[in-house]
């Protein structure tokens, strides 16, 4: 590897990551975390406090282990959740600008993991991708370029400023490919995907389609072609690792474009945005040479601006390490072992998920239940909406579904009865959930209904109306009648 030839050089070129790619990914992930926090804040009370849909006592009954490891469960009050959101936002900004980069990365991961475990029911695939990428990034030199750490001469890495090669880079690149490859295995085993029917069916589900999606639904032949194109891209995903230079750049552009198309047609939460973060690090040096040439005037201008303001520059420069030197040396020695373990565990986990290797006995989780499926093996075959009727203390019957005025008649747009991707995720699985979960949601409707109508709600009747895509037949799923708290 040192002489730039042979197997080592070939391997390094494929599993190495340009330092500028890591810097770009760091900036992007930091800003993405800020956006995620801003969007989650819209439902801060509903999803993360004791007055919401998952009070801590219910969370502890459903997830006793997770409830003990989440910082967000230390208090069910709004002020505590707000404080943690503000801290996470500040740390994410610190990550974006590269201030004490490794520490900012680690703290961002801890806070993100804590937030996600506080309410597992609102998570989608994008959240899991972001958590995995951020975890592996803790072990990578994200502050080598385009950071305040680098300006201060305190890069969190050993070596020069070019290509970064190691088990950590291999783990990150491999994990991104595994997301596609594992999904390909599940889809190849699906009759709907192998018949070309999956994508046309998905676009008939109104709760997923946005922007251009409803218009694209009219072109069935095009959707069938997209079905096969996406299948081909999933199967061909290992080429992201095997190719190099401009061929790799072209493939990355193709996958980036595919996820942009998803963002313009379907509401899949943060999936597209999280995958962009993983794909950025695949871009080879030939791309970053041109990017750097383009941003050089901006970088130089910012550097000169800080030079003209020495006091501000001094404030922004990290004063020195916050971790003792002995500890840092120990971590540096352990880093290859840690990153190699991450790489191997990631490979074995996905291999177990698709059945290539057996799941270990006494495994705390089933790999196939926590793998990259995304509408696999079978896409949804129906749509649906909730109807919630409450009885006021005065005896009047009112609608208490907080997101739309629904009835047993089909809404004009089913998708509009789900205000965002997190509510859709929570509500889609609710009808299959435990009694504790449904009761907690009914209690939330009692409280929100009383606030809306200015009068106490005595009971709530909750129903889900399911509509089959092919036949249009509707089925009512009675989820029960619940007495409101205090009755």
Protein backbone atom coordinates (compact mmCIF):
# COMPACT_ATOMS: atom_id res chain seq x y z
CA UNK A 1 0.00 0.00 0.00
CA UNK A 2 2.89 2.31 0.75
CA UNK A 3 4.51 2.03 -2.68
CA UNK A 4 1.28 2.99 -4.46
CA UNK A 5 1.12 -0.24 -6.44
CA UNK A 6 -0.19 -3.74 -6.12
CA UNK A 7 -3.10 -5.13 -4.20
CA UNK A 8 -2.72 -2.67 -1.34
CA UNK A 9 -3.01 0.35 -3.59
CA UNK A 10 -5.97 -1.17 -5.44
CA UNK A 11 -7.75 -1.88 -2.17
CA UNK A 12 -6.95 1.55 -0.76
CA UNK A 13 -8.37 3.26 -3.82
CA UNK A 14 -11.68 1.48 -3.32
CA UNK A 15 -12.11 1.58 0.45
CA UNK A 16 -10.32 4.87 1.03
CA UNK A 17 -12.23 8.15 1.44
CA UNK A 18 -10.96 11.56 0.39
CA UNK A 19 -10.51 13.88 3.37
CA UNK A 20 -12.59 16.50 1.58
CA UNK A 21 -15.41 13.99 1.19
CA UNK A 22 -15.35 13.41 4.93
CA UNK A 23 -15.41 17.17 5.48
CA UNK A 24 -18.36 17.62 3.13
CA UNK A 25 -20.21 14.75 4.82
CA UNK A 26 -19.50 16.30 8.22
CA UNK A 27 -20.93 19.67 7.19
CA UNK A 28 -23.93 18.03 5.57
CA UNK A 29 -24.70 15.71 8.50
CA UNK A 30 -24.36 18.54 11.00
CA UNK A 31 -26.85 20.67 9.09
CA UNK A 32 -29.13 17.67 8.54
CA UNK A 33 -29.23 17.07 12.29
CA UNK A 34 -30.26 20.70 12.76
CA UNK A 35 -33.04 20.35 10.19
CA UNK A 36 -34.19 17.09 11.77
CA UNK A 37 -34.40 18.72 15.19
CA UNK A 38 -36.32 21.67 13.78
CA UNK A 39 -38.86 19.37 12.10
CA UNK A 40 -39.21 17.15 15.17
CA UNK A 41 -39.78 20.23 17.34
CA UNK A 42 -43.16 20.72 15.69
CA UNK A 43 -44.36 17.63 17.60
CA UNK A 44 -42.16 18.00 20.65
CA UNK A 45 -45.01 17.77 23.12
CA UNK A 46 -46.90 15.03 21.26
CA UNK A 47 -44.01 12.61 20.78
CA UNK A 48 -41.60 13.25 23.65
CA UNK A 49 -43.49 14.39 26.77
CA UNK A 50 -45.75 12.68 29.26
CA UNK A 51 -48.71 14.60 27.88
CA UNK A 52 -48.16 13.10 24.42
CA UNK A 53 -48.85 9.78 22.75
CA UNK A 54 -46.12 7.86 24.61
CA UNK A 55 -45.82 8.82 28.29
CA UNK A 56 -42.77 7.47 30.04
CA UNK A 57 -44.73 4.89 32.05
CA UNK A 58 -46.11 3.39 28.83
CA UNK A 59 -42.67 3.60 27.20
CA UNK A 60 -41.17 1.71 30.14
CA UNK A 61 -43.77 -1.05 29.82
CA UNK A 62 -43.23 -1.44 26.08
CA UNK A 63 -39.44 -0.95 26.00
CA UNK A 64 -38.03 -1.48 29.49
CA UNK A 65 -34.40 -1.47 28.32
CA UNK A 66 -34.60 1.51 25.97
CA UNK A 67 -36.45 3.57 28.55
CA UNK A 68 -33.47 3.26 30.89
CA UNK A 69 -30.79 4.35 28.40
CA UNK A 70 -32.48 7.42 26.94
CA UNK A 71 -31.59 10.81 28.39
CA UNK A 72 -34.96 12.02 27.15
CA UNK A 73 -36.74 9.78 29.65
CA UNK A 74 -35.17 11.51 32.66
CA UNK A 75 -38.13 13.87 32.64
CA UNK A 76 -41.46 13.96 30.84
CA UNK A 77 -41.74 17.73 31.05
CA UNK A 78 -41.64 19.97 27.99
CA UNK A 79 -38.81 22.11 29.38
CA UNK A 80 -36.47 19.10 29.62
CA UNK A 81 -37.12 18.00 26.05
CA UNK A 82 -36.66 21.58 24.85
CA UNK A 83 -33.35 21.83 26.68
CA UNK A 84 -32.06 18.61 25.11
CA UNK A 85 -33.19 19.79 21.67
CA UNK A 86 -31.32 23.08 22.10
CA UNK A 87 -28.16 21.31 23.29
CA UNK A 88 -28.34 18.87 20.36
CA UNK A 89 -28.82 21.77 17.94
CA UNK A 90 -25.76 23.61 19.26
CA UNK A 91 -23.62 20.46 19.15
CA UNK A 92 -24.79 19.73 15.59
CA UNK A 93 -23.72 23.23 14.54
CA UNK A 94 -20.37 22.58 16.22
CA UNK A 95 -20.06 19.42 14.14
CA UNK A 96 -20.92 21.29 10.94
CA UNK A 97 -18.19 23.89 11.44
CA UNK A 98 -15.71 21.33 12.74
CA UNK A 99 -15.20 22.63 16.26
CA UNK A 100 -13.82 19.86 18.48
CA UNK A 101 -15.01 17.58 15.75
CA UNK A 102 -14.65 14.15 17.29
CA UNK A 103 -16.26 15.23 20.55
CA UNK A 104 -19.10 16.95 18.66
CA UNK A 105 -19.62 13.81 16.58
CA UNK A 106 -19.75 11.55 19.63
CA UNK A 107 -22.10 13.81 21.59
CA UNK A 108 -24.35 14.24 18.53
CA UNK A 109 -24.57 10.47 18.21
CA UNK A 110 -25.41 10.02 21.91
CA UNK A 111 -28.14 12.66 21.76
CA UNK A 112 -29.54 11.28 18.50
CA UNK A 113 -29.61 7.73 19.88
CA UNK A 114 -31.30 9.00 23.03
CA UNK A 115 -33.91 10.89 21.02
CA UNK A 116 -34.63 7.93 18.76
CA UNK A 117 -35.02 5.50 21.65
CA UNK A 118 -37.43 7.90 23.40
CA UNK A 119 -40.07 7.19 20.76
CA UNK A 120 -39.20 4.26 18.54
CA UNK A 121 -42.62 4.36 16.85
CA UNK A 122 -41.92 7.51 14.83
CA UNK A 123 -38.70 6.26 13.24
CA UNK A 124 -38.18 5.23 9.64
CA UNK A 125 -35.30 3.82 7.64
CA UNK A 126 -33.66 7.21 7.21
CA UNK A 127 -33.33 7.65 10.96
CA UNK A 128 -31.54 4.34 11.25
CA UNK A 129 -29.22 5.18 8.35
CA UNK A 130 -28.31 8.51 9.93
CA UNK A 131 -27.63 6.89 13.31
CA UNK A 132 -25.36 4.23 11.76
CA UNK A 133 -23.46 6.75 9.61
CA UNK A 134 -22.94 9.06 12.58
CA UNK A 135 -21.74 6.20 14.79
CA UNK A 136 -19.09 5.09 12.30
CA UNK A 137 -18.13 8.73 11.72
CA UNK A 138 -17.05 8.99 15.38
CA UNK A 139 -14.01 6.90 14.42
CA UNK A 140 -13.12 8.87 11.29
CA UNK A 141 -11.12 12.11 10.87
CA UNK A 142 -14.01 14.37 9.93
CA UNK A 143 -12.10 17.46 11.06
CA UNK A 144 -9.14 17.03 8.75
CA UNK A 145 -10.32 19.59 6.21
CA UNK A 146 -12.66 22.59 6.05
CA UNK A 147 -12.99 22.86 9.83
CA UNK A 148 -12.11 25.13 12.73
CA UNK A 149 -10.05 22.26 14.13
CA UNK A 150 -7.93 22.16 10.98
CA UNK A 151 -7.49 25.95 11.06
CA UNK A 152 -6.27 25.68 14.64
CA UNK A 153 -3.84 22.93 13.65
CA UNK A 154 -5.69 20.40 15.76
CA UNK A 155 -7.02 17.91 13.24
CA UNK A 156 -8.47 14.81 14.86
CA UNK A 157 -6.40 12.38 12.82
CA UNK A 158 -2.91 11.14 12.14
CA UNK A 159 -1.30 11.68 8.79
CA UNK A 160 -1.58 14.10 5.90
CA UNK A 161 -4.59 15.70 4.30
CA UNK A 162 -5.24 13.36 1.39
CA UNK A 163 -6.86 9.93 1.32
CA UNK A 164 -8.06 8.30 4.55
CA UNK A 165 -7.78 4.50 4.51
CA UNK A 166 -8.58 2.02 7.22
CA UNK A 167 -11.14 -0.29 8.74
CA UNK A 168 -13.29 2.75 9.59
CA UNK A 169 -13.54 3.91 5.97
CA UNK A 170 -14.19 0.34 4.86
CA UNK A 171 -16.95 0.01 7.49
CA UNK A 172 -18.69 3.19 6.35
CA UNK A 173 -18.52 2.45 2.63
CA UNK A 174 -19.51 -1.17 3.13
CA UNK A 175 -22.46 -0.26 5.33
CA UNK A 176 -23.89 2.02 2.64
CA UNK A 177 -23.56 -0.73 0.03
CA UNK A 178 -25.13 -3.23 2.43
CA UNK A 179 -28.21 -1.02 2.72
CA UNK A 180 -28.78 -1.41 -0.99
CA UNK A 181 -27.61 -5.00 -1.33
CA UNK A 182 -29.68 -6.30 1.60
CA UNK A 183 -32.72 -4.52 0.25
CA UNK A 184 -32.04 -6.14 -3.13
CA UNK A 185 -32.13 -9.61 -1.55
CA UNK A 186 -35.49 -8.95 0.10
CA UNK A 187 -36.93 -7.53 -3.12
CA UNK A 188 -35.66 -10.40 -5.29
CA UNK A 189 -37.65 -12.73 -3.02
CA UNK A 190 -40.79 -10.66 -3.56
CA UNK A 191 -43.38 -11.61 -6.17
CA UNK A 192 -44.57 -8.01 -6.51
CA UNK A 193 -41.11 -6.58 -7.14
CA UNK A 194 -40.09 -9.35 -9.53
CA UNK A 195 -43.33 -8.90 -11.48
CA UNK A 196 -42.78 -5.16 -11.83
CA UNK A 197 -45.96 -4.37 -9.88
CA UNK A 198 -44.43 -2.94 -6.69
CA UNK A 199 -43.72 0.66 -7.69
CA UNK A 200 -47.09 1.16 -9.44
CA UNK A 201 -48.79 -0.17 -6.29
CA UNK A 202 -46.79 2.08 -3.96
CA UNK A 203 -47.76 5.17 -5.94
CA UNK A 204 -51.42 4.36 -5.42
CA UNK A 205 -50.99 4.73 -1.66
CA UNK A 206 -51.83 8.37 -1.06
CA UNK A 207 -50.27 8.57 2.37
CA UNK A 208 -46.84 8.23 0.75
CA UNK A 209 -47.10 10.33 -2.41
CA UNK A 210 -46.24 14.04 -2.44
CA UNK A 211 -45.32 16.77 -4.93
CA UNK A 212 -44.95 14.98 -8.30
CA UNK A 213 -46.08 11.59 -6.98
CA UNK A 214 -49.82 11.93 -7.68
CA UNK A 215 -49.11 13.00 -11.26
CA UNK A 216 -46.62 10.21 -11.85
CA UNK A 217 -49.26 7.72 -10.71
CA UNK A 218 -51.05 8.21 -14.03
CA UNK A 219 -48.15 6.70 -16.00
CA UNK A 220 -48.21 3.00 -15.16
CA UNK A 221 -45.73 1.97 -17.86
CA UNK A 222 -43.20 4.50 -16.58
CA UNK A 223 -43.64 3.25 -13.03
CA UNK A 224 -43.04 -0.33 -14.16
CA UNK A 225 -39.82 0.83 -15.82
CA UNK A 226 -38.80 2.61 -12.62
CA UNK A 227 -39.48 -0.63 -10.72
CA UNK A 228 -36.98 -2.50 -12.87
CA UNK A 229 -34.45 0.34 -12.92
CA UNK A 230 -34.42 0.53 -9.13
CA UNK A 231 -34.11 -3.25 -8.87
CA UNK A 232 -31.13 -3.13 -11.22
CA UNK A 233 -29.52 -0.36 -9.18
CA UNK A 234 -29.96 -2.30 -5.95
CA UNK A 235 -28.43 -5.44 -7.42
CA UNK A 236 -25.57 -3.44 -8.96
CA UNK A 237 -24.82 -1.50 -5.75
CA UNK A 238 -21.53 -3.39 -5.02
CA UNK A 239 -20.13 -1.55 -8.05
CA UNK A 240 -19.98 1.53 -5.84
CA UNK A 241 -17.09 -0.21 -4.07
CA UNK A 242 -15.51 -1.87 -7.09
CA UNK A 243 -15.29 1.13 -9.41
CA UNK A 244 -13.07 4.20 -9.18
CA UNK A 245 -12.49 7.70 -10.51
CA UNK A 246 -15.09 9.02 -12.98
CA UNK A 247 -16.94 5.73 -13.31
CA UNK A 248 -17.55 5.72 -9.56
CA UNK A 249 -18.53 9.41 -9.69
CA UNK A 250 -21.07 8.63 -12.39
CA UNK A 251 -22.57 5.79 -10.34
CA UNK A 252 -22.78 8.00 -7.25
CA UNK A 253 -24.54 10.67 -9.30
CA UNK A 254 -27.04 8.05 -10.47
CA UNK A 255 -27.87 7.00 -6.90
CA UNK A 256 -28.01 10.60 -5.71
CA UNK A 257 -30.44 11.35 -8.53
CA UNK A 258 -32.58 8.34 -7.66
CA UNK A 259 -32.95 9.54 -4.08
CA UNK A 260 -33.74 13.05 -5.30
CA UNK A 261 -36.55 11.53 -7.39
CA UNK A 262 -37.81 9.76 -4.27
CA UNK A 263 -37.81 13.04 -2.35
CA UNK A 264 -39.84 14.74 -5.10
CA UNK A 265 -42.47 12.01 -5.28
CA UNK A 266 -42.71 10.24 -1.90
CA UNK A 267 -42.58 11.25 1.74
CA UNK A 268 -40.18 8.73 3.25
CA UNK A 269 -38.98 10.84 6.13
CA UNK A 270 -35.22 11.42 6.13
CA UNK A 271 -34.39 8.40 3.98
CA UNK A 272 -33.26 10.28 0.88
CA UNK A 273 -31.34 12.87 2.89
CA UNK A 274 -29.61 10.23 5.03
CA UNK A 275 -28.58 8.24 1.96
CA UNK A 276 -27.08 11.38 0.41
CA UNK A 277 -24.82 11.60 3.47
CA UNK A 278 -23.62 8.05 2.91
CA UNK A 279 -23.13 8.55 -0.82
CA UNK A 280 -21.06 11.73 -0.48
CA UNK A 281 -18.09 9.78 0.87
CA UNK A 282 -17.96 7.64 -2.26
CA UNK A 283 -17.08 10.59 -4.47
CA UNK A 284 -13.44 10.16 -5.60
CA UNK A 285 -10.61 12.74 -5.48
CA UNK A 286 -11.11 13.75 -9.12
CA UNK A 287 -14.48 15.22 -8.10
CA UNK A 288 -13.19 16.93 -4.98
CA UNK A 289 -10.32 18.51 -6.92
CA UNK A 290 -12.90 20.42 -8.91
CA UNK A 291 -15.07 21.13 -5.88
CA UNK A 292 -12.08 22.52 -4.02
CA UNK A 293 -11.14 24.73 -6.95
CA UNK A 294 -14.69 26.10 -6.95
CA UNK A 295 -14.86 26.78 -3.20
CA UNK A 296 -11.27 28.02 -2.84
CA UNK A 297 -12.23 31.71 -3.19
CA UNK A 298 -14.84 31.29 -0.44
CA UNK A 299 -12.41 29.42 1.80
CA UNK A 300 -9.69 32.02 1.25
CA UNK A 301 -12.11 34.88 1.82
CA UNK A 302 -13.35 33.37 5.09
CA UNK A 303 -9.78 32.75 6.25
CA UNK A 304 -8.78 36.35 5.45
CA UNK A 305 -11.89 37.63 7.23
CA UNK A 306 -10.94 35.72 10.38
CA UNK A 307 -7.32 36.89 10.09
CA UNK A 308 -8.58 40.48 10.18
CA UNK A 309 -10.46 39.69 13.41
CA UNK A 310 -7.86 38.06 15.66
CA UNK A 311 -10.01 38.18 18.79
CA UNK A 312 -12.88 36.37 17.06
CA UNK A 313 -10.44 33.93 15.48
CA UNK A 314 -8.97 33.19 18.89
CA UNK A 315 -12.43 32.58 20.35
CA UNK A 316 -13.28 30.11 17.58
CA UNK A 317 -10.05 28.16 17.85
CA UNK A 318 -10.15 25.21 20.26
CA UNK A 319 -7.73 26.02 23.06
CA UNK A 320 -6.44 22.48 23.42
CA UNK A 321 -7.42 18.87 23.94
CA UNK A 322 -10.18 18.23 26.46
CA UNK A 323 -9.26 14.55 26.74
CA UNK A 324 -6.05 13.53 28.57
CA UNK A 325 -3.16 12.58 26.28
CA UNK A 326 -2.84 9.09 27.80
CA UNK A 327 -6.49 8.35 27.05
CA UNK A 328 -6.15 9.66 23.50
CA UNK A 329 -3.12 7.45 22.88
CA UNK A 330 -5.02 4.46 24.19
CA UNK A 331 -7.95 5.19 21.90
CA UNK A 332 -5.59 5.62 18.94
CA UNK A 333 -4.10 2.17 19.60
CA UNK A 334 -7.54 0.60 19.98
CA UNK A 335 -9.04 2.33 16.95
CA UNK A 336 -8.09 -0.34 14.35
CA UNK A 337 -9.60 -3.07 16.53
CA UNK A 338 -12.76 -1.06 17.16
CA UNK A 339 -13.32 -0.19 13.50
CA UNK A 340 -12.51 -3.72 12.36
CA UNK A 341 -15.12 -5.00 14.83
CA UNK A 342 -17.68 -2.54 13.47
CA UNK A 343 -16.95 -3.73 9.93
CA UNK A 344 -17.26 -7.42 10.79
CA UNK A 345 -20.38 -7.00 12.94
CA UNK A 346 -22.06 -4.97 10.20
CA UNK A 347 -21.35 -7.67 7.63
CA UNK A 348 -22.51 -10.51 9.89
CA UNK A 349 -25.67 -8.67 10.96
CA UNK A 350 -26.86 -8.16 7.39
CA UNK A 351 -25.80 -11.68 6.44
CA UNK A 352 -27.98 -12.99 9.28
CA UNK A 353 -30.83 -10.70 8.19
CA UNK A 354 -31.00 -12.31 4.75
CA UNK A 355 -30.41 -15.83 6.08
CA UNK A 356 -26.86 -16.38 4.83
CA UNK A 357 -25.60 -17.07 8.34
CA UNK A 358 -27.65 -18.23 11.34
CA UNK A 359 -28.75 -15.75 13.97
CA UNK A 360 -26.78 -16.23 17.20
CA UNK A 361 -28.66 -17.84 20.06
CA UNK A 362 -29.99 -15.45 22.69
CA UNK A 363 -29.64 -12.54 20.28
CA UNK A 364 -31.23 -9.41 21.84
CA UNK A 365 -32.82 -8.58 18.47
CA UNK A 366 -33.82 -10.37 15.31
CA UNK A 367 -31.60 -9.11 12.43
CA UNK A 368 -34.30 -9.51 9.77
CA UNK A 369 -36.61 -7.27 11.80
CA UNK A 370 -33.98 -4.52 11.92
CA UNK A 371 -32.66 -4.61 8.39
CA UNK A 372 -32.98 -2.49 5.27
CA UNK A 373 -36.31 -3.52 3.73
CA UNK A 374 -38.03 -0.35 2.39
CA UNK A 375 -41.26 -1.71 0.91
CA UNK A 376 -39.87 -5.24 0.86
CA UNK A 377 -40.55 -8.03 0.56
CA UNK A 378 -44.04 -6.77 -0.26
CA UNK A 379 -45.27 -3.21 -0.77
CA UNK A 380 -48.47 -2.00 0.92
CA UNK A 381 -51.67 -3.27 -0.70
CA UNK A 382 -54.01 -0.72 0.82
CA UNK A 383 -54.49 2.72 2.27
CA UNK A 384 -56.44 3.94 5.25
CA UNK A 385 -57.40 6.68 7.68
CA UNK A 386 -58.45 7.09 11.28
CA UNK A 387 -61.83 8.14 12.62
CA UNK A 388 -61.92 9.27 16.25
CA UNK A 389 -65.21 10.26 17.87
CA UNK A 390 -65.33 11.84 21.30
CA UNK A 391 -68.20 12.54 23.63
CA UNK A 392 -68.17 15.87 25.43
CA UNK A 393 -69.23 16.15 29.07
CA UNK A 394 -72.39 17.85 27.78
CA UNK A 395 -73.25 14.73 25.77
CA UNK A 396 -72.42 16.15 22.32
CA UNK A 397 -70.53 13.88 19.92
CA UNK A 398 -67.53 15.51 18.18
CA UNK A 399 -64.60 14.48 16.02
CA UNK A 400 -61.34 14.42 18.00
CA UNK A 401 -58.86 13.18 15.41
CA UNK A 402 -56.31 15.95 15.69
CA UNK A 403 -55.02 16.02 12.12
CA UNK A 404 -58.11 16.18 9.92
CA UNK A 405 -61.90 16.14 9.93
CA UNK A 406 -62.38 12.47 9.04
CA UNK A 407 -65.40 10.22 8.82
CA UNK A 408 -66.13 6.75 7.50
CA UNK A 409 -66.42 8.27 4.03
CA UNK A 410 -63.16 8.41 2.07
CA UNK A 411 -61.28 11.71 2.49
CA UNK A 412 -60.55 13.73 -0.64
CA UNK A 413 -56.85 13.02 -0.04
CA UNK A 414 -55.92 10.28 2.43
CA UNK A 415 -52.38 11.63 2.62
CA UNK A 416 -53.61 14.91 4.11
CA UNK A 417 -54.92 13.07 7.18
CA UNK A 418 -51.26 12.39 8.11
CA UNK A 419 -49.53 15.72 8.84
CA UNK A 420 -45.97 14.48 8.33
CA UNK A 421 -43.86 11.35 7.93
CA UNK A 422 -43.41 10.81 11.67
CA UNK A 423 -47.15 10.93 12.38
CA UNK A 424 -47.73 8.62 9.43
CA UNK A 425 -45.19 6.13 10.75
CA UNK A 426 -46.68 6.26 14.23
CA UNK A 427 -50.28 5.89 13.05
CA UNK A 428 -49.66 3.30 10.34
CA UNK A 429 -48.45 0.76 12.88
CA UNK A 430 -50.77 1.84 15.70
CA UNK A 431 -53.62 -0.52 14.78
CA UNK A 432 -51.24 -3.47 15.13
CA UNK A 433 -49.85 -2.20 18.42
CA UNK A 434 -50.45 -3.30 21.97
CA UNK A 435 -53.41 -2.22 24.08
CA UNK A 436 -51.09 0.02 26.10
CA UNK A 437 -50.09 1.90 22.97
CA UNK A 438 -53.63 2.41 21.72
CA UNK A 439 -54.81 3.46 25.16
CA UNK A 440 -52.02 6.05 25.33
CA UNK A 441 -53.07 7.47 21.97
CA UNK A 442 -56.72 7.58 23.06
CA UNK A 443 -55.70 9.45 26.22
CA UNK A 444 -53.77 11.91 24.06
CA UNK A 445 -56.93 12.46 21.96
CA UNK A 446 -58.86 13.08 25.18
CA UNK A 447 -56.47 15.84 26.17
CA UNK A 448 -56.10 17.42 22.74
CA UNK A 449 -59.85 17.18 22.11
CA UNK A 450 -60.61 18.99 25.36
CA UNK A 451 -58.19 21.78 24.36
CA UNK A 452 -59.77 22.05 20.92
CA UNK A 453 -63.40 22.07 22.03
CA UNK A 454 -62.94 23.84 25.34
CA UNK A 455 -64.81 21.14 27.20
CA UNK A 456 -63.91 17.88 28.90
CA UNK A 457 -64.02 14.73 26.79
CA UNK A 458 -65.50 11.75 28.61
CA UNK A 459 -64.72 8.96 26.14
CA UNK A 460 -63.15 8.35 22.74
CA UNK A 461 -64.08 5.75 20.14
CA UNK A 462 -61.26 4.94 17.74
CA UNK A 463 -61.60 3.26 14.33
CA UNK A 464 -59.27 2.65 11.41
CA UNK A 465 -60.79 2.41 7.93
CA UNK A 466 -58.76 0.25 5.56
CA UNK A 467 -59.23 0.48 1.79
CA UNK A 468 -57.80 -2.18 -0.53
CA UNK A 469 -55.99 -0.77 -3.56
CA UNK A 470 -57.14 -3.29 -6.16
CA UNK A 471 -60.79 -3.63 -5.21
CA UNK A 472 -61.53 -0.46 -3.29
CA UNK A 473 -63.24 -2.54 -0.59
CA UNK A 474 -63.25 -0.94 2.84
CA UNK A 475 -62.95 -2.62 6.19
CA UNK A 476 -63.51 -1.01 9.56
CA UNK A 477 -61.10 -1.98 12.32
CA UNK A 478 -62.63 -1.09 15.67
CA UNK A 479 -59.79 -0.20 18.03
CA UNK A 480 -62.07 0.27 21.01
CA UNK A 481 -63.86 2.82 23.13
CA UNK A 482 -61.78 4.38 25.91
CA UNK A 483 -62.80 6.31 28.98
CA UNK A 484 -60.78 9.47 29.28
CA UNK A 485 -58.42 9.87 32.23
CA UNK A 486 -60.19 11.12 35.31
CA UNK A 487 -63.42 9.27 34.51
